[in-house]
N, C-alpha and C. Protein backbone atom coordinates (compact mmCIF):
# COMPACT_ATOMS: atom_id res chain seq x y z
N UNK A 1 0.85 -1.17 0.00
CA UNK A 1 0.00 0.00 0.00
C UNK A 1 0.90 1.23 0.00
N UNK A 2 0.58 2.16 -0.88
CA UNK A 2 1.39 3.37 -0.98
C UNK A 2 0.75 4.57 -0.31
N UNK A 3 -0.60 4.59 -0.28
CA UNK A 3 -1.26 5.76 0.27
C UNK A 3 -2.73 5.49 0.53
N UNK A 4 -3.26 6.11 1.55
CA UNK A 4 -4.69 6.08 1.83
C UNK A 4 -5.26 7.42 1.40
N UNK A 5 -6.31 7.39 0.59
CA UNK A 5 -6.89 8.65 0.13
C UNK A 5 -8.20 8.98 0.81
N UNK A 6 -8.96 7.95 1.24
CA UNK A 6 -10.26 8.20 1.85
C UNK A 6 -10.58 7.12 2.87
N UNK A 7 -11.18 7.57 3.97
CA UNK A 7 -11.65 6.66 5.02
C UNK A 7 -13.07 7.07 5.34
N UNK A 8 -14.00 6.13 5.33
CA UNK A 8 -15.40 6.40 5.65
C UNK A 8 -15.66 6.15 7.13
N UNK A 9 -16.31 7.10 7.79
CA UNK A 9 -16.61 7.00 9.22
C UNK A 9 -18.10 7.27 9.41
N UNK A 10 -18.79 6.34 10.08
CA UNK A 10 -20.22 6.50 10.36
C UNK A 10 -20.38 7.14 11.74
N UNK A 11 -21.20 8.18 11.83
CA UNK A 11 -21.43 8.90 13.09
C UNK A 11 -22.92 9.20 13.23
N UNK A 12 -23.33 9.49 14.45
CA UNK A 12 -24.72 9.87 14.69
C UNK A 12 -24.93 11.37 14.49
N UNK A 13 -23.95 12.18 14.88
CA UNK A 13 -24.07 13.64 14.84
C UNK A 13 -22.99 14.21 13.93
N UNK A 14 -23.37 14.53 12.71
CA UNK A 14 -22.41 14.99 11.70
C UNK A 14 -21.71 16.28 12.12
N UNK A 15 -22.46 17.26 12.60
CA UNK A 15 -21.88 18.56 12.94
C UNK A 15 -20.90 18.44 14.10
N UNK A 16 -21.29 17.73 15.15
CA UNK A 16 -20.42 17.58 16.32
C UNK A 16 -19.14 16.83 15.95
N UNK A 17 -19.27 15.77 15.16
CA UNK A 17 -18.11 14.96 14.80
C UNK A 17 -17.14 15.74 13.93
N UNK A 18 -17.65 16.48 12.95
CA UNK A 18 -16.78 17.28 12.09
C UNK A 18 -16.14 18.42 12.87
N UNK A 19 -16.91 19.01 13.78
CA UNK A 19 -16.36 20.07 14.63
C UNK A 19 -15.21 19.57 15.48
N UNK A 20 -15.33 18.37 16.01
CA UNK A 20 -14.28 17.77 16.82
C UNK A 20 -13.03 17.52 15.99
N UNK A 21 -13.21 17.02 14.76
CA UNK A 21 -12.07 16.79 13.88
C UNK A 21 -11.35 18.10 13.55
N UNK A 22 -12.13 19.16 13.35
CA UNK A 22 -11.53 20.46 13.05
C UNK A 22 -10.77 20.99 14.26
N UNK A 23 -11.38 20.88 15.43
CA UNK A 23 -10.78 21.41 16.65
C UNK A 23 -9.52 20.64 17.07
N UNK A 24 -9.60 19.32 17.06
CA UNK A 24 -8.49 18.52 17.57
C UNK A 24 -7.39 18.26 16.55
N UNK A 25 -7.78 18.11 15.28
CA UNK A 25 -6.80 17.71 14.26
C UNK A 25 -6.61 18.74 13.15
N UNK A 26 -7.32 19.86 13.24
CA UNK A 26 -7.18 20.90 12.22
C UNK A 26 -7.76 20.51 10.87
N UNK A 27 -8.76 19.64 10.86
CA UNK A 27 -9.36 19.19 9.61
C UNK A 27 -10.01 20.35 8.86
N UNK A 28 -9.88 20.33 7.54
CA UNK A 28 -10.60 21.26 6.68
C UNK A 28 -11.95 20.60 6.37
N UNK A 29 -13.04 21.29 6.68
CA UNK A 29 -14.37 20.70 6.58
C UNK A 29 -15.06 21.15 5.30
N UNK A 30 -15.51 20.21 4.51
CA UNK A 30 -16.23 20.50 3.27
C UNK A 30 -17.71 20.70 3.52
N UNK A 31 -18.45 21.02 2.47
CA UNK A 31 -19.89 21.24 2.60
C UNK A 31 -20.65 19.93 2.86
N UNK A 32 -21.85 20.07 3.39
CA UNK A 32 -22.72 18.92 3.60
C UNK A 32 -23.27 18.48 2.25
N UNK A 33 -23.19 17.18 2.00
CA UNK A 33 -23.73 16.58 0.78
C UNK A 33 -24.86 15.64 1.19
N UNK A 34 -26.05 15.89 0.70
CA UNK A 34 -27.22 15.06 0.99
C UNK A 34 -27.29 13.92 -0.04
N UNK A 35 -27.57 12.71 0.43
CA UNK A 35 -27.70 11.55 -0.45
C UNK A 35 -29.03 10.87 -0.13
N UNK A 36 -30.15 11.41 -0.66
CA UNK A 36 -31.47 10.87 -0.34
C UNK A 36 -31.64 9.39 -0.68
N UNK A 37 -31.00 8.92 -1.73
CA UNK A 37 -31.11 7.52 -2.14
C UNK A 37 -30.71 6.56 -1.01
N UNK A 38 -29.73 6.98 -0.19
CA UNK A 38 -29.24 6.14 0.90
C UNK A 38 -29.63 6.67 2.28
N UNK A 39 -30.53 7.64 2.33
CA UNK A 39 -30.97 8.23 3.60
C UNK A 39 -29.79 8.63 4.47
N UNK A 40 -28.87 9.38 3.87
CA UNK A 40 -27.68 9.81 4.58
C UNK A 40 -27.19 11.15 4.07
N UNK A 41 -26.28 11.75 4.81
CA UNK A 41 -25.56 12.93 4.37
C UNK A 41 -24.13 12.79 4.85
N UNK A 42 -23.22 13.53 4.22
CA UNK A 42 -21.82 13.41 4.61
C UNK A 42 -21.10 14.73 4.39
N UNK A 43 -19.94 14.82 5.02
CA UNK A 43 -19.00 15.92 4.80
C UNK A 43 -17.62 15.30 4.64
N UNK A 44 -16.84 15.83 3.74
CA UNK A 44 -15.45 15.41 3.62
C UNK A 44 -14.63 16.29 4.56
N UNK A 45 -13.81 15.65 5.37
CA UNK A 45 -12.95 16.34 6.31
C UNK A 45 -11.51 15.97 5.97
N UNK A 46 -10.75 16.93 5.48
CA UNK A 46 -9.39 16.66 5.02
C UNK A 46 -8.38 16.94 6.13
N UNK A 47 -7.55 15.95 6.36
CA UNK A 47 -6.44 16.08 7.29
C UNK A 47 -5.19 15.69 6.51
N UNK A 48 -4.35 16.67 6.23
CA UNK A 48 -3.19 16.41 5.38
C UNK A 48 -3.66 16.02 4.00
N UNK A 49 -3.26 14.82 3.55
CA UNK A 49 -3.65 14.35 2.22
C UNK A 49 -4.73 13.27 2.29
N UNK A 50 -5.32 13.10 3.48
CA UNK A 50 -6.34 12.06 3.66
C UNK A 50 -7.71 12.70 3.87
N UNK A 51 -8.70 12.20 3.15
CA UNK A 51 -10.08 12.66 3.32
C UNK A 51 -10.83 11.66 4.18
N UNK A 52 -11.50 12.17 5.21
CA UNK A 52 -12.42 11.37 5.99
C UNK A 52 -13.82 11.69 5.50
N UNK A 53 -14.52 10.69 5.02
CA UNK A 53 -15.92 10.86 4.61
C UNK A 53 -16.75 10.57 5.86
N UNK A 54 -17.20 11.63 6.53
CA UNK A 54 -17.96 11.49 7.77
C UNK A 54 -19.44 11.46 7.40
N UNK A 55 -20.10 10.31 7.71
CA UNK A 55 -21.46 10.06 7.23
C UNK A 55 -22.42 9.90 8.40
N UNK A 56 -23.63 10.44 8.24
CA UNK A 56 -24.67 10.32 9.26
C UNK A 56 -26.01 10.02 8.59
N UNK A 57 -26.86 9.27 9.27
CA UNK A 57 -28.18 8.96 8.68
C UNK A 57 -29.10 10.18 8.73
N UNK A 58 -30.05 10.21 7.80
CA UNK A 58 -31.06 11.26 7.80
C UNK A 58 -32.45 10.69 8.11
N UNK A 59 -32.52 9.39 8.31
CA UNK A 59 -33.79 8.71 8.62
C UNK A 59 -33.48 7.48 9.46
N UNK A 60 -34.51 6.90 10.00
CA UNK A 60 -34.33 5.68 10.79
C UNK A 60 -34.40 4.44 9.90
N UNK A 61 -33.65 4.51 8.84
CA UNK A 61 -33.48 3.42 7.89
C UNK A 61 -32.28 3.77 7.03
N UNK A 62 -31.87 2.86 6.20
CA UNK A 62 -30.77 3.13 5.29
C UNK A 62 -29.45 2.52 5.76
N UNK A 63 -28.48 2.58 4.88
CA UNK A 63 -27.19 1.93 5.08
C UNK A 63 -26.49 2.41 6.35
N UNK A 64 -26.41 3.71 6.55
CA UNK A 64 -25.67 4.24 7.70
C UNK A 64 -26.45 4.02 8.99
N UNK A 65 -27.76 4.20 8.97
CA UNK A 65 -28.57 3.93 10.15
C UNK A 65 -28.41 2.48 10.58
N UNK A 66 -28.49 1.55 9.63
CA UNK A 66 -28.34 0.12 9.93
C UNK A 66 -26.95 -0.18 10.48
N UNK A 67 -25.94 0.42 9.90
CA UNK A 67 -24.56 0.21 10.38
C UNK A 67 -24.43 0.67 11.82
N UNK A 68 -24.93 1.86 12.12
CA UNK A 68 -24.84 2.39 13.48
C UNK A 68 -25.60 1.51 14.47
N UNK A 69 -26.75 1.00 14.07
CA UNK A 69 -27.54 0.14 14.95
C UNK A 69 -26.80 -1.16 15.26
N UNK A 70 -26.09 -1.70 14.29
CA UNK A 70 -25.38 -2.98 14.47
C UNK A 70 -24.03 -2.81 15.15
N UNK A 71 -23.28 -1.77 14.77
CA UNK A 71 -21.88 -1.68 15.18
C UNK A 71 -21.53 -0.43 15.96
N UNK A 72 -22.41 0.57 15.96
CA UNK A 72 -22.07 1.83 16.62
C UNK A 72 -21.20 2.70 15.73
N UNK A 73 -20.80 3.85 16.24
CA UNK A 73 -19.99 4.78 15.46
C UNK A 73 -18.60 4.21 15.20
N UNK A 74 -18.08 4.52 14.04
CA UNK A 74 -16.71 4.09 13.75
C UNK A 74 -16.44 3.90 12.27
N UNK A 75 -15.35 3.21 11.98
CA UNK A 75 -14.93 3.01 10.60
C UNK A 75 -15.98 2.22 9.81
N UNK A 76 -16.34 2.77 8.69
CA UNK A 76 -17.31 2.14 7.80
C UNK A 76 -16.61 1.54 6.59
N UNK A 77 -15.77 2.32 5.96
CA UNK A 77 -14.99 1.83 4.81
C UNK A 77 -13.70 2.64 4.65
């Protein structure tokens, strides 16, 4: 492996999680992107050359909601 470009992280509170990344690690926070097809939204948070795709559910269903229910917050992909 030569480089990691993106890491997906599932969270319950998008704003709080991105704010923490900015405060503690100096992450550059991108705009909120809504993805209605998957009942989720995300923000890209860049730290150095790595993007964290921080994802949160927008409904009590969908890929991210199901992931959080089964595994809790953390690495998704």
